[in-house]
Amino acid sequence: MKVKGAAGAGEKARRLILKRHPGATRILFRRIDNMGHSWLVEGEVWFKRLRLFTVKRNFKIEIDTEKGEVVSFQEERPHRFKP
C-alpha cells in the first residue's frame, strides 16, 4: 500500500514500533524526511522492562514510498556518557 505524506509514514512507523515493543509508553519522532523513493523516520521510544525500569532507544526506519514496506530498521541505545 502506497505511503502518502509524512503523516502516513509516521503512522506506519508507530505501528511497527508498537508491534516490536507492546509496552511502549512514549514515541517521539524527531525527523520525517522524504528521500524520493522512501521515507526516513527518526526518533526515540521509551518502554517498560519488568514493570520497574523505563528504557530509551533511538530508532531509524526507512519505508518504501510505493509498496509501504519497511526497507531498513535500526534501533540503538543512546550513549550514557558523552565526552
N, C-alpha and C. Protein backbone atom coordinates (compact mmCIF):
# COMPACT_ATOMS: atom_id res chain seq x y z
N MET A 1 0.84 -1.18 0.00
CA MET A 1 0.00 0.00 0.00
C MET A 1 0.89 1.24 0.00
N LYS A 2 0.57 2.17 -0.84
CA LYS A 2 1.37 3.38 -1.02
C LYS A 2 1.29 4.28 0.23
N VAL A 3 2.44 4.82 0.63
CA VAL A 3 2.51 5.72 1.78
C VAL A 3 2.37 7.15 1.26
N LYS A 4 1.35 7.85 1.74
CA LYS A 4 1.09 9.21 1.28
C LYS A 4 1.40 10.19 2.40
N GLY A 5 2.41 10.99 2.21
CA GLY A 5 2.72 12.07 3.14
C GLY A 5 3.45 11.64 4.39
N ALA A 6 3.87 12.66 5.14
CA ALA A 6 4.62 12.42 6.38
C ALA A 6 3.74 11.77 7.44
N ALA A 7 2.47 12.11 7.45
CA ALA A 7 1.57 11.51 8.45
C ALA A 7 1.42 10.01 8.22
N GLY A 8 1.35 9.59 6.98
CA GLY A 8 1.26 8.16 6.67
C GLY A 8 2.53 7.42 7.06
N ALA A 9 3.68 8.04 6.81
CA ALA A 9 4.95 7.42 7.19
C ALA A 9 5.07 7.32 8.70
N GLY A 10 4.65 8.37 9.41
CA GLY A 10 4.70 8.35 10.87
C GLY A 10 3.78 7.29 11.46
N GLU A 11 2.60 7.12 10.87
CA GLU A 11 1.66 6.11 11.36
C GLU A 11 2.20 4.70 11.11
N LYS A 12 2.81 4.49 9.95
CA LYS A 12 3.40 3.18 9.64
C LYS A 12 4.54 2.87 10.63
N ALA A 13 5.37 3.87 10.92
CA ALA A 13 6.46 3.68 11.88
C ALA A 13 5.93 3.42 13.29
N ARG A 14 4.88 4.13 13.68
CA ARG A 14 4.27 3.94 15.00
C ARG A 14 3.75 2.51 15.16
N ARG A 15 3.08 1.99 14.12
CA ARG A 15 2.57 0.62 14.18
C ARG A 15 3.69 -0.40 14.29
N LEU A 16 4.80 -0.17 13.56
CA LEU A 16 5.95 -1.08 13.63
C LEU A 16 6.57 -1.08 15.03
N ILE A 17 6.72 0.09 15.62
CA ILE A 17 7.33 0.19 16.95
C ILE A 17 6.43 -0.47 18.01
N LEU A 18 5.12 -0.23 17.92
CA LEU A 18 4.21 -0.85 18.88
C LEU A 18 4.15 -2.36 18.72
N LYS A 19 4.42 -2.86 17.53
CA LYS A 19 4.47 -4.30 17.32
C LYS A 19 5.72 -4.89 17.97
N ARG A 20 6.86 -4.17 17.86
CA ARG A 20 8.11 -4.64 18.45
C ARG A 20 8.14 -4.44 19.97
N HIS A 21 7.58 -3.33 20.45
CA HIS A 21 7.58 -3.01 21.88
C HIS A 21 6.15 -2.71 22.33
N PRO A 22 5.38 -3.74 22.68
CA PRO A 22 3.98 -3.50 23.06
C PRO A 22 3.82 -2.62 24.30
N GLY A 23 4.82 -2.57 25.15
CA GLY A 23 4.74 -1.76 26.37
C GLY A 23 5.29 -0.36 26.20
N ALA A 24 5.32 0.15 24.98
CA ALA A 24 5.87 1.49 24.74
C ALA A 24 5.02 2.54 25.44
N THR A 25 5.67 3.40 26.21
CA THR A 25 4.96 4.44 26.92
C THR A 25 5.00 5.77 26.20
N ARG A 26 6.03 5.98 25.37
CA ARG A 26 6.16 7.25 24.66
C ARG A 26 6.95 7.03 23.37
N ILE A 27 6.45 7.61 22.27
CA ILE A 27 7.14 7.58 20.99
C ILE A 27 7.28 9.01 20.51
N LEU A 28 8.51 9.42 20.24
CA LEU A 28 8.78 10.79 19.81
C LEU A 28 9.48 10.74 18.46
N PHE A 29 8.90 11.40 17.46
CA PHE A 29 9.51 11.48 16.14
C PHE A 29 10.33 12.76 16.08
N ARG A 30 11.62 12.63 15.78
CA ARG A 30 12.50 13.79 15.64
C ARG A 30 12.51 14.31 14.20
N ARG A 31 12.45 13.37 13.24
CA ARG A 31 12.60 13.77 11.84
C ARG A 31 11.85 12.80 10.94
N ILE A 32 11.07 13.35 10.01
CA ILE A 32 10.42 12.56 8.97
C ILE A 32 10.74 13.25 7.65
N ASP A 33 11.56 12.60 6.81
CA ASP A 33 12.02 13.19 5.56
C ASP A 33 11.64 12.31 4.38
N ASN A 34 11.30 12.96 3.27
CA ASN A 34 11.04 12.25 2.02
C ASN A 34 12.35 12.21 1.24
N MET A 35 12.79 11.00 0.90
CA MET A 35 14.05 10.84 0.17
C MET A 35 13.77 10.40 -1.27
N GLY A 36 12.64 10.80 -1.84
CA GLY A 36 12.29 10.44 -3.20
C GLY A 36 11.58 9.10 -3.28
N HIS A 37 12.31 8.02 -3.18
CA HIS A 37 11.74 6.67 -3.27
C HIS A 37 11.38 6.09 -1.91
N SER A 38 11.72 6.79 -0.83
CA SER A 38 11.43 6.26 0.50
C SER A 38 11.28 7.40 1.52
N TRP A 39 10.71 7.06 2.66
CA TRP A 39 10.58 7.98 3.78
C TRP A 39 11.55 7.56 4.87
N LEU A 40 12.22 8.53 5.49
CA LEU A 40 13.12 8.26 6.60
C LEU A 40 12.49 8.82 7.87
N VAL A 41 12.30 7.96 8.87
CA VAL A 41 11.68 8.35 10.13
C VAL A 41 12.69 8.09 11.24
N GLU A 42 13.05 9.13 11.99
CA GLU A 42 13.97 9.00 13.12
C GLU A 42 13.28 9.49 14.38
N GLY A 43 13.65 8.89 15.51
CA GLY A 43 13.05 9.32 16.77
C GLY A 43 13.51 8.49 17.94
N GLU A 44 12.72 8.57 19.02
CA GLU A 44 13.03 7.87 20.27
C GLU A 44 11.78 7.15 20.76
N VAL A 45 12.00 6.04 21.44
CA VAL A 45 10.90 5.29 22.05
C VAL A 45 11.29 4.94 23.48
N TRP A 46 10.35 5.08 24.40
CA TRP A 46 10.54 4.67 25.79
C TRP A 46 9.57 3.52 26.04
N PHE A 47 10.08 2.46 26.69
CA PHE A 47 9.21 1.33 27.01
C PHE A 47 9.61 0.73 28.34
N LYS A 48 8.67 0.01 28.94
CA LYS A 48 8.88 -0.58 30.27
C LYS A 48 9.53 -1.94 30.16
N ARG A 49 10.43 -2.21 31.10
CA ARG A 49 11.04 -3.52 31.26
C ARG A 49 10.79 -3.98 32.69
N LEU A 50 10.24 -5.14 32.84
CA LEU A 50 9.98 -5.75 34.15
C LEU A 50 9.14 -4.87 35.06
N ARG A 51 8.31 -4.00 34.50
CA ARG A 51 7.41 -3.11 35.23
C ARG A 51 8.10 -2.11 36.14
N LEU A 52 9.43 -2.13 36.19
CA LEU A 52 10.16 -1.22 37.08
C LEU A 52 10.99 -0.21 36.31
N PHE A 53 11.62 -0.65 35.23
CA PHE A 53 12.59 0.17 34.54
C PHE A 53 12.04 0.69 33.22
N THR A 54 12.32 1.93 32.94
CA THR A 54 11.98 2.52 31.65
C THR A 54 13.25 2.60 30.82
N VAL A 55 13.20 2.08 29.61
CA VAL A 55 14.35 2.03 28.73
C VAL A 55 14.10 2.94 27.54
N LYS A 56 15.14 3.67 27.13
CA LYS A 56 15.02 4.56 25.99
C LYS A 56 15.87 4.01 24.84
N ARG A 57 15.30 4.01 23.63
CA ARG A 57 16.02 3.58 22.44
C ARG A 57 15.82 4.60 21.33
N ASN A 58 16.86 4.84 20.55
CA ASN A 58 16.77 5.64 19.34
C ASN A 58 16.48 4.71 18.18
N PHE A 59 15.67 5.15 17.24
CA PHE A 59 15.37 4.31 16.09
C PHE A 59 15.47 5.11 14.80
N LYS A 60 15.71 4.38 13.71
CA LYS A 60 15.75 4.93 12.37
C LYS A 60 15.07 3.92 11.46
N ILE A 61 13.99 4.35 10.80
CA ILE A 61 13.20 3.46 9.95
C ILE A 61 13.14 4.06 8.56
N GLU A 62 13.36 3.23 7.55
CA GLU A 62 13.21 3.66 6.16
C GLU A 62 12.06 2.87 5.56
N ILE A 63 11.07 3.59 5.01
CA ILE A 63 9.85 2.99 4.48
C ILE A 63 9.76 3.28 2.98
N ASP A 64 9.52 2.26 2.17
CA ASP A 64 9.37 2.41 0.73
C ASP A 64 8.07 3.18 0.43
N THR A 65 8.15 4.18 -0.46
CA THR A 65 7.01 5.02 -0.77
C THR A 65 5.94 4.27 -1.56
N GLU A 66 6.34 3.47 -2.53
CA GLU A 66 5.40 2.80 -3.41
C GLU A 66 4.73 1.59 -2.75
N LYS A 67 5.52 0.72 -2.13
CA LYS A 67 4.99 -0.52 -1.58
C LYS A 67 4.53 -0.39 -0.14
N GLY A 68 5.07 0.59 0.60
CA GLY A 68 4.71 0.75 2.00
C GLY A 68 5.41 -0.24 2.91
N GLU A 69 6.44 -0.91 2.41
CA GLU A 69 7.18 -1.88 3.21
C GLU A 69 8.37 -1.22 3.91
N VAL A 70 8.77 -1.80 5.00
CA VAL A 70 9.93 -1.31 5.74
C VAL A 70 11.19 -1.82 5.04
N VAL A 71 12.03 -0.89 4.60
CA VAL A 71 13.27 -1.25 3.91
C VAL A 71 14.37 -1.55 4.92
N SER A 72 14.50 -0.68 5.93
CA SER A 72 15.51 -0.92 6.97
C SER A 72 14.99 -0.40 8.31
N PHE A 73 15.44 -1.06 9.36
CA PHE A 73 15.07 -0.69 10.72
C PHE A 73 16.31 -0.80 11.59
N GLN A 74 16.68 0.30 12.24
CA GLN A 74 17.83 0.30 13.14
C GLN A 74 17.36 0.82 14.49
N GLU A 75 17.85 0.16 15.53
CA GLU A 75 17.49 0.57 16.89
C GLU A 75 18.76 0.48 17.74
N GLU A 76 19.02 1.52 18.51
CA GLU A 76 20.24 1.50 19.34
C GLU A 76 19.99 2.22 20.65
N ARG A 77 20.77 1.83 21.63
CA ARG A 77 20.72 2.50 22.93
C ARG A 77 21.52 3.79 22.84
N PRO A 78 21.01 4.87 23.41
CA PRO A 78 21.81 6.11 23.41
C PRO A 78 23.00 5.97 24.35
N HIS A 79 24.03 6.75 24.08
CA HIS A 79 25.23 6.73 24.93
C HIS A 79 24.92 7.41 26.26
N ARG A 80 25.39 6.81 27.33
CA ARG A 80 25.14 7.38 28.66
C ARG A 80 26.06 8.56 28.94
N PHE A 81 27.31 8.37 28.64
CA PHE A 81 28.29 9.40 28.97
C PHE A 81 28.84 10.02 27.69
N LYS A 82 28.79 11.30 27.60
CA LYS A 82 29.34 11.99 26.43
C LYS A 82 30.62 12.72 26.85
N PRO A 83 31.70 12.51 26.11
CA PRO A 83 32.97 13.15 26.49
C PRO A 83 32.95 14.64 26.23
